[in-house]
C-alpha atoms as a PDB file:
ATOM      1  CA  MET A   1      -0.029   0.031   0.013  1.00  0.00           C
ATOM      2  CA  ASN A   2       1.316   3.304  -1.046  1.00  0.00           C
ATOM      3  CA  GLY A   3      -0.488   5.570   1.484  1.00  0.00           C
ATOM      4  CA  TYR A   4      -3.060   6.799  -0.962  1.00  0.00           C
ATOM      5  CA  LEU A   5      -6.650   5.758  -1.661  1.00  0.00           C
ATOM      6  CA  ALA A   6      -7.860   5.180  -5.167  1.00  0.00           C
ATOM      7  CA  ASP A   7      -9.189   8.713  -5.288  1.00  0.00           C
ATOM      8  CA  GLY A   8      -5.845  10.342  -4.414  1.00  0.00           C
ATOM      9  CA  GLU A   9      -6.863  10.988  -0.687  1.00  0.00           C
ATOM     10  CA  ARG A  10      -4.079  10.338   1.682  1.00  0.00           C
ATOM     11  CA  THR A  11      -4.543   7.574   4.246  1.00  0.00           C
ATOM     12  CA  LYS A  12      -3.481   7.943   7.836  1.00  0.00           C
ATOM     13  CA  ALA A  13      -0.327   6.072   8.590  1.00  0.00           C
ATOM     14  CA  ARG A  14      -0.789   3.400  11.319  1.00  0.00           C
ATOM     15  CA  PRO A  15       2.003   2.002  13.371  1.00  0.00           C
ATOM     16  CA  ARG A  16       2.950  -1.504  12.523  1.00  0.00           C
ATOM     17  CA  SER A  17       2.917  -4.219  15.054  1.00  0.00           C
ATOM     18  CA  SER A  18       6.065  -6.117  15.829  1.00  0.00           C
ATOM     19  CA  THR A  19       4.490  -9.220  14.267  1.00  0.00           C
ATOM     20  CA  GLU A  20       4.255  -7.332  10.788  1.00  0.00           C
ATOM     21  CA  ASN A  21       7.901  -6.310  10.950  1.00  0.00           C
ATOM     22  CA  PRO A  22       9.889  -8.563  13.266  1.00  0.00           C
ATOM     23  CA  GLY A  23      13.099  -6.566  12.856  1.00  0.00           C
ATOM     24  CA  THR A  24      11.658  -3.636  14.784  1.00  0.00           C
ATOM     25  CA  GLU A  25      10.976  -5.440  18.070  1.00  0.00           C
ATOM     26  CA  SER A  26      11.806  -3.459  21.036  1.00  0.00           C
ATOM     27  CA  LYS A  27      14.836  -4.844  22.729  1.00  0.00           C
ATOM     28  CA  LYS A  28      13.883  -5.237  26.307  1.00  0.00           C
ATOM     29  CA  ALA A  29      16.761  -5.189  28.761  1.00  0.00           C
ATOM     30  CA  LYS A  30      17.336  -8.303  30.584  1.00  0.00           C
ATOM     31  CA  SER A  31      16.902  -8.239  34.229  1.00  0.00           C
ATOM     32  CA  CYS A  32      19.326  -9.501  36.885  1.00  0.00           C
ATOM     33  CA  ASP A  33      18.121 -12.988  38.096  1.00  0.00           C
ATOM     34  CA  GLU A  34      19.750 -15.290  40.595  1.00  0.00           C
ATOM     35  CA  GLU A  35      21.482 -17.387  37.962  1.00  0.00           C
ATOM     36  CA  PHE A  36      23.089 -14.378  36.491  1.00  0.00           C
ATOM     37  CA  LEU A  37      24.317 -13.093  39.847  1.00  0.00           C
ATOM     38  CA  GLU A  38      25.793 -16.536  40.587  1.00  0.00           C
ATOM     39  CA  GLU A  39      27.476 -16.588  37.165  1.00  0.00           C
ATOM     40  CA  LEU A  40      29.045 -13.240  37.724  1.00  0.00           C
ATOM     41  CA  GLN A  41      30.212 -14.207  41.297  1.00  0.00           C
ATOM     42  CA  ARG A  42      32.082 -17.322  39.773  1.00  0.00           C
ATOM     43  CA  SER A  43      33.706 -15.419  36.958  1.00  0.00           C
ATOM     44  CA  GLU A  44      37.416 -14.487  37.406  1.00  0.00           C
ATOM     45  CA  ALA A  45      36.772 -10.814  36.857  1.00  0.00           C
ATOM     46  CA  TYR A  46      34.423 -10.359  39.830  1.00  0.00           C
ATOM     47  CA  LYS A  47      35.577 -13.057  42.277  1.00  0.00           C
ATOM     48  CA  PRO A  48      37.078 -10.544  44.628  1.00  0.00           C
ATOM     49  CA  LEU A  49      33.949  -8.565  44.766  1.00  0.00           C
ATOM     50  CA  ASN A  50      30.549  -9.284  46.566  1.00  0.00           C
ATOM     51  CA  VAL A  51      28.297  -9.227  43.561  1.00  0.00           C
ATOM     52  CA  ARG A  52      25.090  -9.505  45.549  1.00  0.00           C
ATOM     53  CA  HIS A  53      26.099  -6.522  47.719  1.00  0.00           C
ATOM     54  CA  VAL A  54      26.860  -4.394  44.720  1.00  0.00           C
ATOM     55  CA  PHE A  55      23.580  -5.422  43.177  1.00  0.00           C
ATOM     56  CA  ALA A  56      21.656  -4.457  46.237  1.00  0.00           C
ATOM     57  CA  LYS A  57      23.370  -1.036  46.192  1.00  0.00           C
ATOM     58  CA  MET A  58      22.530  -0.700  42.506  1.00  0.00           C
ATOM     59  CA  ALA A  59      18.921  -1.835  43.022  1.00  0.00           C
ATOM     60  CA  VAL A  60      18.357   0.921  45.655  1.00  0.00           C
ATOM     61  CA  TRP A  61      19.899   3.515  43.377  1.00  0.00           C
ATOM     62  CA  CYS A  62      17.578   2.358  40.532  1.00  0.00           C
ATOM     63  CA  GLN A  63      14.636   2.572  42.677  1.00  0.00           C
ATOM     64  CA  MET A  64      15.556   6.171  43.896  1.00  0.00           C
ATOM     65  CA  TYR A  65      16.062   7.409  40.257  1.00  0.00           C
ATOM     66  CA  GLY A  66      13.373   5.377  38.391  1.00  0.00           C
ATOM     67  CA  LYS A  67      15.688   3.185  36.571  1.00  0.00           C
ATOM     68  CA  GLN A  68      15.610  -0.502  35.862  1.00  0.00           C
ATOM     69  CA  PRO A  69      18.278  -2.789  37.520  1.00  0.00           C
ATOM     70  CA  THR A  70      19.499  -4.409  34.089  1.00  0.00           C
ATOM     71  CA  ARG A  71      22.364  -6.650  33.501  1.00  0.00           C
ATOM     72  CA  ASN A  72      24.347  -4.074  31.611  1.00  0.00           C
ATOM     73  CA  ARG A  73      23.836  -1.523  34.486  1.00  0.00           C
ATOM     74  CA  LEU A  74      25.108  -4.067  37.023  1.00  0.00           C
ATOM     75  CA  ILE A  75      28.254  -4.909  34.885  1.00  0.00           C
ATOM     76  CA  GLY A  76      28.834  -1.073  34.821  1.00  0.00           C
ATOM     77  CA  TRP A  77      28.593  -0.908  38.657  1.00  0.00           C
ATOM     78  CA  LEU A  78      30.862  -3.900  39.115  1.00  0.00           C
ATOM     79  CA  ASN A  79      33.476  -2.476  36.756  1.00  0.00           C
ATOM     80  CA  ARG A  80      33.657   0.676  38.922  1.00  0.00           C
ATOM     81  CA  GLU A  81      34.048  -1.190  42.151  1.00  0.00           C
ATOM     82  CA  ASP A  82      37.473  -1.476  43.850  1.00  0.00           C
ATOM     83  CA  SER A  83      38.889  -4.618  45.052  1.00  0.00           C
ATOM     84  CA  PRO A  84      38.021  -4.945  48.813  1.00  0.00           C
ATOM     85  CA  MET A  85      40.828  -3.841  51.185  1.00  0.00           C
ATOM     86  CA  GLY A  86      41.663  -6.237  54.193  1.00  0.00           C
ATOM     87  CA  ALA A  87      43.613  -5.823  57.255  1.00  0.00           C
ATOM     88  CA  ASN A  88      46.907  -3.898  56.945  1.00  0.00           C
ATOM     89  CA  GLY A  89      46.051  -2.670  53.535  1.00  0.00           C
ATOM     90  CA  THR A  90      46.091  -6.011  51.777  1.00  0.00           C
ATOM     91  CA  ILE A  91      43.780  -6.594  48.827  1.00  0.00           C
ATOM     92  CA  ALA A  92      42.274  -9.781  47.328  1.00  0.00           C
ATOM     93  CA  ASP A  93      45.596 -10.992  46.042  1.00  0.00           C
ATOM     94  CA  GLY A  94      47.310 -10.734  49.400  1.00  0.00           C
ATOM     95  CA  SER A  95      49.755  -8.111  48.548  1.00  0.00           C
ATOM     96  CA  SER A  96      49.921  -4.952  50.624  1.00  0.00           C
ATOM     97  CA  TYR A  97      49.716  -1.421  49.411  1.00  0.00           C
ATOM     98  CA  GLN A  98      53.127  -0.688  50.683  1.00  0.00           C
ATOM     99  CA  SER A  99      54.580  -3.693  48.920  1.00  0.00           C
ATOM    100  CA  ARG A 100      53.011  -2.607  45.698  1.00  0.00           C
ATOM    101  CA  VAL A 101      54.385   1.009  46.155  1.00  0.00           C
ATOM    102  CA  ASP A 102      57.942  -0.505  46.912  1.00  0.00           C
ATOM    103  CA  ARG A 103      57.764  -2.585  43.669  1.00  0.00           C
ATOM    104  CA  SER A 104      56.769   0.420  41.721  1.00  0.00           C
ATOM    105  CA  VAL A 105      59.488   2.640  43.269  1.00  0.00           C
ATOM    106  CA  GLU A 106      62.161  -0.107  42.523  1.00  0.00           C
ATOM    107  CA  ALA A 107      60.878  -0.458  38.927  1.00  0.00           C
ATOM    108  CA  GLY A 108      61.218   3.324  38.515  1.00  0.00           C
ATOM    109  CA  LYS A 109      64.697   3.327  39.941  1.00  0.00           C
ATOM    110  CA  SER A 110      65.723   0.534  37.639  1.00  0.00           C
ATOM    111  CA  TYR A 111      64.393   2.440  34.554  1.00  0.00           C
ATOM    112  CA  ILE A 112      66.221   5.671  35.540  1.00  0.00           C
ATOM    113  CA  ALA A 113      69.457   3.784  36.035  1.00  0.00           C
ATOM    114  CA  LYS A 114      69.092   2.166  32.667  1.00  0.00           C
ATOM    115  CA  LYS A 115      68.419   5.453  30.975  1.00  0.00           C
ATOM    116  CA  GLU A 116      71.464   7.110  32.795  1.00  0.00           C
ATOM    117  CA  ALA A 117      73.614   4.242  31.619  1.00  0.00           C
ATOM    118  CA  GLU A 118      72.469   4.744  27.966  1.00  0.00           C
ATOM    119  CA  LEU A 119      73.125   8.469  28.170  1.00  0.00           C
ATOM    120  CA  ALA A 120      76.576   7.799  29.638  1.00  0.00           C
ATOM    121  CA  SER A 121      77.472   5.307  26.852  1.00  0.00           C
ATOM    122  CA  ARG A 122      76.452   7.866  24.254  1.00  0.00           C
ATOM    123  CA  ARG A 123      78.632  10.541  25.823  1.00  0.00           C
ATOM    124  CA  VAL A 124      81.594   8.209  25.747  1.00  0.00           C
ATOM    125  CA  GLY A 125      80.914   7.142  22.203  1.00  0.00           C
ATOM    126  CA  ASN A 126      80.892  10.709  20.914  1.00  0.00           C
END
């Protein structure tokens, strides 16, 4: 149908239903069910985090702001979470903050020493 009646009068457009045009179905966001939460908790990326606790925080936020607690939204919240800190500044892998800082400082000193040696060898070579 081209939108016109036989006498040239324009017909009103009517919206198509999703059964008429299956490619235009609305994509409803999937909700976070128990199975999905368990799957996330078992994944390597989120093992150190308490997925259910993050979900509960997100659900309260969603309720306050009139949003839906979708799977994509939960993934976003989880990706913004920090690894939990334990006693004496340890994190999930057991290393302390100070030991990570010490390793970083040592790596920096090593890099500087290497660059100084390269500069010294260039001066000698000239």
